Amino acid sequence: MNILYMSTMNVEELIKRLQSVKDKTLPVRVIEEEDNDDPNYWLKPTSSFEVSNTGENGYEVCGEVRLIGKE
């Protein structure tokens, strides 16, 4: 298992954190760890979520979930 995989949040951890949010109607904004006045990226209800499962082409060792923000 590589270091990147071990140091990133997984789906289960993300769900737990999101479940702790009281107002489930809040929008989700994507930011970089360091805010440099870059554009705001928001998760839209459609086309903001992609999954590549472990074993699929290009993801033979480790799959991933991608949250895609749009300005």
PDB file of N, CA and C in Angstrom:
ATOM      1  N   MET A   1       0.850  -1.181   0.000  1.00  0.00           N
ATOM      2  CA  MET A   1       0.000   0.000   0.000  1.00  0.00           C
ATOM      3  C   MET A   1       0.894   1.241   0.000  1.00  0.00           C
ATOM      4  N   ASN A   2       0.580   2.211  -0.852  1.00  0.00           N
ATOM      5  CA  ASN A   2       1.446   3.376  -0.936  1.00  0.00           C
ATOM      6  C   ASN A   2       1.096   4.427   0.115  1.00  0.00           C
ATOM      7  N   ILE A   3       2.012   5.361   0.327  1.00  0.00           N
ATOM      8  CA  ILE A   3       1.847   6.394   1.351  1.00  0.00           C
ATOM      9  C   ILE A   3       0.654   7.293   1.067  1.00  0.00           C
ATOM     10  N   LEU A   4       0.429   7.674  -0.202  1.00  0.00           N
ATOM     11  CA  LEU A   4      -0.695   8.546  -0.551  1.00  0.00           C
ATOM     12  C   LEU A   4      -2.004   7.920  -0.105  1.00  0.00           C
ATOM     13  N   TYR A   5      -2.192   6.646  -0.383  1.00  0.00           N
ATOM     14  CA  TYR A   5      -3.437   5.975  -0.021  1.00  0.00           C
ATOM     15  C   TYR A   5      -3.628   5.976   1.488  1.00  0.00           C
ATOM     16  N   MET A   6      -2.553   5.755   2.233  1.00  0.00           N
ATOM     17  CA  MET A   6      -2.651   5.675   3.684  1.00  0.00           C
ATOM     18  C   MET A   6      -2.927   7.041   4.317  1.00  0.00           C
ATOM     19  N   SER A   7      -2.580   8.138   3.638  1.00  0.00           N
ATOM     20  CA  SER A   7      -2.711   9.460   4.244  1.00  0.00           C
ATOM     21  C   SER A   7      -3.920  10.240   3.727  1.00  0.00           C
ATOM     22  N   THR A   8      -4.799   9.609   2.976  1.00  0.00           N
ATOM     23  CA  THR A   8      -5.966  10.306   2.451  1.00  0.00           C
ATOM     24  C   THR A   8      -7.238   9.829   3.133  1.00  0.00           C
ATOM     25  N   MET A   9      -8.267  10.646   3.081  1.00  0.00           N
ATOM     26  CA  MET A   9      -9.556  10.300   3.665  1.00  0.00           C
ATOM     27  C   MET A   9     -10.231   9.247   2.795  1.00  0.00           C
ATOM     28  N   ASN A  10     -10.910   8.301   3.421  1.00  0.00           N
ATOM     29  CA  ASN A  10     -11.666   7.318   2.647  1.00  0.00           C
ATOM     30  C   ASN A  10     -13.160   7.656   2.704  1.00  0.00           C
ATOM     31  N   VAL A  11     -13.955   6.936   1.939  1.00  0.00           N
ATOM     32  CA  VAL A  11     -15.389   7.212   1.826  1.00  0.00           C
ATOM     33  C   VAL A  11     -16.075   7.106   3.187  1.00  0.00           C
ATOM     34  N   GLU A  12     -15.735   6.091   3.959  1.00  0.00           N
ATOM     35  CA  GLU A  12     -16.362   5.903   5.274  1.00  0.00           C
ATOM     36  C   GLU A  12     -16.100   7.111   6.183  1.00  0.00           C
ATOM     37  N   GLU A  13     -14.863   7.608   6.197  1.00  0.00           N
ATOM     38  CA  GLU A  13     -14.534   8.774   7.019  1.00  0.00           C
ATOM     39  C   GLU A  13     -15.272  10.019   6.536  1.00  0.00           C
ATOM     40  N   LEU A  14     -15.370  10.197   5.215  1.00  0.00           N
ATOM     41  CA  LEU A  14     -16.078  11.341   4.657  1.00  0.00           C
ATOM     42  C   LEU A  14     -17.557  11.300   5.049  1.00  0.00           C
ATOM     43  N   ILE A  15     -18.174  10.148   4.950  1.00  0.00           N
ATOM     44  CA  ILE A  15     -19.590  10.006   5.315  1.00  0.00           C
ATOM     45  C   ILE A  15     -19.794  10.348   6.779  1.00  0.00           C
ATOM     46  N   LYS A  16     -18.929   9.863   7.654  1.00  0.00           N
ATOM     47  CA  LYS A  16     -19.051  10.172   9.083  1.00  0.00           C
ATOM     48  C   LYS A  16     -18.979  11.672   9.327  1.00  0.00           C
ATOM     49  N   ARG A  17     -18.048  12.336   8.671  1.00  0.00           N
ATOM     50  CA  ARG A  17     -17.921  13.786   8.863  1.00  0.00           C
ATOM     51  C   ARG A  17     -19.137  14.522   8.319  1.00  0.00           C
ATOM     52  N   LEU A  18     -19.626  14.102   7.153  1.00  0.00           N
ATOM     53  CA  LEU A  18     -20.788  14.757   6.580  1.00  0.00           C
ATOM     54  C   LEU A  18     -22.047  14.517   7.419  1.00  0.00           C
ATOM     55  N   GLN A  19     -22.153  13.355   8.048  1.00  0.00           N
ATOM     56  CA  GLN A  19     -23.316  13.068   8.885  1.00  0.00           C
ATOM     57  C   GLN A  19     -23.356  13.976  10.106  1.00  0.00           C
ATOM     58  N   SER A  20     -22.213  14.497  10.520  1.00  0.00           N
ATOM     59  CA  SER A  20     -22.180  15.368  11.698  1.00  0.00           C
ATOM     60  C   SER A  20     -22.648  16.793  11.387  1.00  0.00           C
ATOM     61  N   VAL A  21     -22.821  17.125  10.105  1.00  0.00           N
ATOM     62  CA  VAL A  21     -23.301  18.455   9.717  1.00  0.00           C
ATOM     63  C   VAL A  21     -24.800  18.515   9.979  1.00  0.00           C
ATOM     64  N   LYS A  22     -25.225  19.490  10.787  1.00  0.00           N
ATOM     65  CA  LYS A  22     -26.643  19.578  11.144  1.00  0.00           C
ATOM     66  C   LYS A  22     -27.518  19.964   9.951  1.00  0.00           C
ATOM     67  N   ASP A  23     -27.128  20.992   9.223  1.00  0.00           N
ATOM     68  CA  ASP A  23     -27.929  21.477   8.089  1.00  0.00           C
ATOM     69  C   ASP A  23     -27.490  20.758   6.815  1.00  0.00           C
ATOM     70  N   LYS A  24     -28.214  19.749   6.423  1.00  0.00           N
ATOM     71  CA  LYS A  24     -27.858  18.925   5.264  1.00  0.00           C
ATOM     72  C   LYS A  24     -28.154  19.625   3.935  1.00  0.00           C
ATOM     73  N   THR A  25     -28.695  20.851   3.971  1.00  0.00           N
ATOM     74  CA  THR A  25     -28.984  21.575   2.738  1.00  0.00           C
ATOM     75  C   THR A  25     -27.851  22.530   2.353  1.00  0.00           C
ATOM     76  N   LEU A  26     -26.797  22.602   3.142  1.00  0.00           N
ATOM     77  CA  LEU A  26     -25.679  23.499   2.839  1.00  0.00           C
ATOM     78  C   LEU A  26     -24.981  23.079   1.550  1.00  0.00           C
ATOM     79  N   PRO A  27     -24.538  24.039   0.719  1.00  0.00           N
ATOM     80  CA  PRO A  27     -23.756  23.692  -0.473  1.00  0.00           C
ATOM     81  C   PRO A  27     -22.356  23.252  -0.065  1.00  0.00           C
ATOM     82  N   VAL A  28     -21.693  22.530  -0.952  1.00  0.00           N
ATOM     83  CA  VAL A  28     -20.328  22.053  -0.687  1.00  0.00           C
ATOM     84  C   VAL A  28     -19.375  22.791  -1.613  1.00  0.00           C
ATOM     85  N   ARG A  29     -18.370  23.448  -1.006  1.00  0.00           N
ATOM     86  CA  ARG A  29     -17.359  24.181  -1.767  1.00  0.00           C
ATOM     87  C   ARG A  29     -16.046  23.437  -1.668  1.00  0.00           C
ATOM     88  N   VAL A  30     -15.319  23.392  -2.767  1.00  0.00           N
ATOM     89  CA  VAL A  30     -14.017  22.725  -2.819  1.00  0.00           C
ATOM     90  C   VAL A  30     -12.939  23.804  -2.793  1.00  0.00           C
ATOM     91  N   ILE A  31     -12.019  23.705  -1.828  1.00  0.00           N
ATOM     92  CA  ILE A  31     -10.916  24.664  -1.753  1.00  0.00           C
ATOM     93  C   ILE A  31      -9.605  23.905  -1.594  1.00  0.00           C
ATOM     94  N   GLU A  32      -8.528  24.582  -1.921  1.00  0.00           N
ATOM     95  CA  GLU A  32      -7.213  24.018  -1.680  1.00  0.00           C
ATOM     96  C   GLU A  32      -6.841  24.302  -0.230  1.00  0.00           C
ATOM     97  N   GLU A  33      -5.891  23.538   0.290  1.00  0.00           N
ATOM     98  CA  GLU A  33      -5.489  23.708   1.681  1.00  0.00           C
ATOM     99  C   GLU A  33      -5.046  25.147   1.951  1.00  0.00           C
ATOM    100  N   GLU A  34      -4.382  25.754   0.987  1.00  0.00           N
ATOM    101  CA  GLU A  34      -3.949  27.138   1.091  1.00  0.00           C
ATOM    102  C   GLU A  34      -4.806  27.974   0.147  1.00  0.00           C
ATOM    103  N   ASP A  35      -5.585  28.900   0.673  1.00  0.00           N
ATOM    104  CA  ASP A  35      -6.460  29.723  -0.160  1.00  0.00           C
ATOM    105  C   ASP A  35      -5.672  30.890  -0.724  1.00  0.00           C
ATOM    106  N   ASN A  36      -5.493  30.922  -2.045  1.00  0.00           N
ATOM    107  CA  ASN A  36      -4.749  31.979  -2.725  1.00  0.00           C
ATOM    108  C   ASN A  36      -5.673  32.845  -3.569  1.00  0.00           C
ATOM    109  N   ASP A  37      -6.892  33.080  -3.072  1.00  0.00           N
ATOM    110  CA  ASP A  37      -7.897  33.836  -3.822  1.00  0.00           C
ATOM    111  C   ASP A  37      -8.204  33.202  -5.167  1.00  0.00           C
ATOM    112  N   ASP A  38      -8.085  31.875  -5.234  1.00  0.00           N
ATOM    113  CA  ASP A  38      -8.460  31.145  -6.439  1.00  0.00           C
ATOM    114  C   ASP A  38      -9.976  31.164  -6.566  1.00  0.00           C
ATOM    115  N   PRO A  39     -10.513  30.779  -7.719  1.00  0.00           N
ATOM    116  CA  PRO A  39     -11.971  30.761  -7.865  1.00  0.00           C
ATOM    117  C   PRO A  39     -12.606  29.787  -6.870  1.00  0.00           C
ATOM    118  N   ASN A  40     -13.866  30.015  -6.553  1.00  0.00           N
ATOM    119  CA  ASN A  40     -14.624  29.084  -5.725  1.00  0.00           C
ATOM    120  C   ASN A  40     -15.114  27.943  -6.600  1.00  0.00           C
ATOM    121  N   TYR A  41     -14.930  26.718  -6.146  1.00  0.00           N
ATOM    122  CA  TYR A  41     -15.441  25.549  -6.848  1.00  0.00           C
ATOM    123  C   TYR A  41     -16.494  24.900  -5.971  1.00  0.00           C
ATOM    124  N   TRP A  42     -17.657  24.632  -6.568  1.00  0.00           N
ATOM    125  CA  TRP A  42     -18.787  24.074  -5.847  1.00  0.00           C
ATOM    126  C   TRP A  42     -19.114  22.699  -6.402  1.00  0.00           C
ATOM    127  N   LEU A  43     -19.579  21.814  -5.533  1.00  0.00           N
ATOM    128  CA  LEU A  43     -20.043  20.503  -5.989  1.00  0.00           C
ATOM    129  C   LEU A  43     -21.489  20.654  -6.436  1.00  0.00           C
ATOM    130  N   LYS A  44     -21.755  20.259  -7.659  1.00  0.00           N
ATOM    131  CA  LYS A  44     -23.100  20.335  -8.227  1.00  0.00           C
ATOM    132  C   LYS A  44     -23.794  18.981  -8.037  1.00  0.00           C
ATOM    133  N   PRO A  45     -25.136  18.977  -7.971  1.00  0.00           N
ATOM    134  CA  PRO A  45     -25.858  17.719  -7.771  1.00  0.00           C
ATOM    135  C   PRO A  45     -25.606  16.682  -8.866  1.00  0.00           C
ATOM    136  N   THR A  46     -25.289  17.141 -10.076  1.00  0.00           N
ATOM    137  CA  THR A  46     -24.994  16.212 -11.159  1.00  0.00           C
ATOM    138  C   THR A  46     -23.556  16.418 -11.606  1.00  0.00           C
ATOM    139  N   SER A  47     -22.932  15.393 -12.045  1.00  0.00           N
ATOM    140  CA  SER A  47     -21.577  15.375 -12.601  1.00  0.00           C
ATOM    141  C   SER A  47     -20.493  15.887 -11.659  1.00  0.00           C
ATOM    142  N   SER A  48     -20.708  15.776 -10.351  1.00  0.00           N
ATOM    143  CA  SER A  48     -19.689  16.186  -9.387  1.00  0.00           C
ATOM    144  C   SER A  48     -19.007  14.989  -8.737  1.00  0.00           C
ATOM    145  N   PHE A  49     -19.368  13.793  -9.154  1.00  0.00           N
ATOM    146  CA  PHE A  49     -18.973  12.592  -8.436  1.00  0.00           C
ATOM    147  C   PHE A  49     -18.614  11.495  -9.432  1.00  0.00           C
ATOM    148  N   GLU A  50     -17.411  10.971  -9.312  1.00  0.00           N
ATOM    149  CA  GLU A  50     -16.980   9.858 -10.164  1.00  0.00           C
ATOM    150  C   GLU A  50     -16.321   8.791  -9.306  1.00  0.00           C
ATOM    151  N   VAL A  51     -16.438   7.544  -9.723  1.00  0.00           N
ATOM    152  CA  VAL A  51     -15.834   6.425  -8.996  1.00  0.00           C
ATOM    153  C   VAL A  51     -15.076   5.546  -9.971  1.00  0.00           C
ATOM    154  N   SER A  52     -13.872   5.165  -9.587  1.00  0.00           N
ATOM    155  CA  SER A  52     -13.110   4.123 -10.276  1.00  0.00           C
ATOM    156  C   SER A  52     -12.817   3.054  -9.241  1.00  0.00           C
ATOM    157  N   ASN A  53     -13.369   1.878  -9.445  1.00  0.00           N
ATOM    158  CA  ASN A  53     -13.210   0.795  -8.477  1.00  0.00           C
ATOM    159  C   ASN A  53     -11.861   0.103  -8.619  1.00  0.00           C
ATOM    160  N   THR A  54     -11.354  -0.402  -7.508  1.00  0.00           N
ATOM    161  CA  THR A  54     -10.121  -1.177  -7.531  1.00  0.00           C
ATOM    162  C   THR A  54     -10.286  -2.331  -8.500  1.00  0.00           C
ATOM    163  N   GLY A  55      -9.286  -2.511  -9.359  1.00  0.00           N
ATOM    164  CA  GLY A  55      -9.320  -3.576 -10.345  1.00  0.00           C
ATOM    165  C   GLY A  55      -9.684  -3.098 -11.734  1.00  0.00           C
ATOM    166  N   GLU A  56     -10.289  -1.905 -11.832  1.00  0.00           N
ATOM    167  CA  GLU A  56     -10.612  -1.364 -13.145  1.00  0.00           C
ATOM    168  C   GLU A  56      -9.344  -0.891 -13.842  1.00  0.00           C
ATOM    169  N   ASN A  57      -9.426  -0.756 -15.151  1.00  0.00           N
ATOM    170  CA  ASN A  57      -8.294  -0.331 -15.954  1.00  0.00           C
ATOM    171  C   ASN A  57      -7.736   0.998 -15.424  1.00  0.00           C
ATOM    172  N   GLY A  58      -6.448   1.018 -15.097  1.00  0.00           N
ATOM    173  CA  GLY A  58      -5.806   2.202 -14.553  1.00  0.00           C
ATOM    174  C   GLY A  58      -5.907   2.292 -13.038  1.00  0.00           C
ATOM    175  N   TYR A  59      -6.718   1.451 -12.438  1.00  0.00           N
ATOM    176  CA  TYR A  59      -6.920   1.443 -10.989  1.00  0.00           C
ATOM    177  C   TYR A  59      -6.790   0.018 -10.440  1.00  0.00           C
ATOM    178  N   GLU A  60      -5.859  -0.730 -11.018  1.00  0.00           N
ATOM    179  CA  GLU A  60      -5.693  -2.127 -10.653  1.00  0.00           C
ATOM    180  C   GLU A  60      -5.338  -2.300  -9.172  1.00  0.00           C
ATOM    181  N   VAL A  61      -4.562  -1.386  -8.626  1.00  0.00           N
ATOM    182  CA  VAL A  61      -4.073  -1.510  -7.247  1.00  0.00           C
ATOM    183  C   VAL A  61      -5.008  -0.822  -6.262  1.00  0.00           C
ATOM    184  N   CYS A  62      -5.527   0.331  -6.644  1.00  0.00           N
ATOM    185  CA  CYS A  62      -6.346   1.115  -5.711  1.00  0.00           C
ATOM    186  C   CYS A  62      -7.335   1.975  -6.487  1.00  0.00           C
ATOM    187  N   GLY A  63      -8.608   1.835  -6.189  1.00  0.00           N
ATOM    188  CA  GLY A  63      -9.626   2.675  -6.797  1.00  0.00           C
ATOM    189  C   GLY A  63      -9.668   4.030  -6.117  1.00  0.00           C
ATOM    190  N   GLU A  64     -10.599   4.885  -6.576  1.00  0.00           N
ATOM    191  CA  GLU A  64     -10.744   6.202  -5.952  1.00  0.00           C
ATOM    192  C   GLU A  64     -12.109   6.780  -6.235  1.00  0.00           C
ATOM    193  N   VAL A  65     -12.508   7.718  -5.388  1.00  0.00           N
ATOM    194  CA  VAL A  65     -13.711   8.511  -5.576  1.00  0.00           C
ATOM    195  C   VAL A  65     -13.235   9.927  -5.868  1.00  0.00           C
ATOM    196  N   ARG A  66     -13.813  10.562  -6.897  1.00  0.00           N
ATOM    197  CA  ARG A  66     -13.438  11.929  -7.247  1.00  0.00           C
ATOM    198  C   ARG A  66     -14.636  12.852  -7.084  1.00  0.00           C
ATOM    199  N   LEU A  67     -14.449  13.924  -6.327  1.00  0.00           N
ATOM    200  CA  LEU A  67     -15.447  14.974  -6.195  1.00  0.00           C
ATOM    201  C   LEU A  67     -14.980  16.102  -7.110  1.00  0.00           C
ATOM    202  N   ILE A  68     -15.797  16.484  -8.080  1.00  0.00           N
ATOM    203  CA  ILE A  68     -15.389  17.426  -9.114  1.00  0.00           C
ATOM    204  C   ILE A  68     -16.123  18.749  -8.916  1.00  0.00           C
ATOM    205  N   GLY A  69     -15.356  19.786  -8.622  1.00  0.00           N
ATOM    206  CA  GLY A  69     -15.950  21.097  -8.400  1.00  0.00           C
ATOM    207  C   GLY A  69     -16.041  21.900  -9.678  1.00  0.00           C
ATOM    208  N   LYS A  70     -17.047  22.775  -9.746  1.00  0.00           N
ATOM    209  CA  LYS A  70     -17.205  23.683 -10.895  1.00  0.00           C
ATOM    210  C   LYS A  70     -17.345  25.088 -10.361  1.00  0.00           C
ATOM    211  N   GLU A  71     -16.812  26.043 -11.119  1.00  0.00           N
ATOM    212  CA  GLU A  71     -16.872  27.440 -10.725  1.00  0.00           C
ATOM    213  C   GLU A  71     -18.266  27.988 -10.891  1.00  0.00           C
TER     214      GLU A  71
END
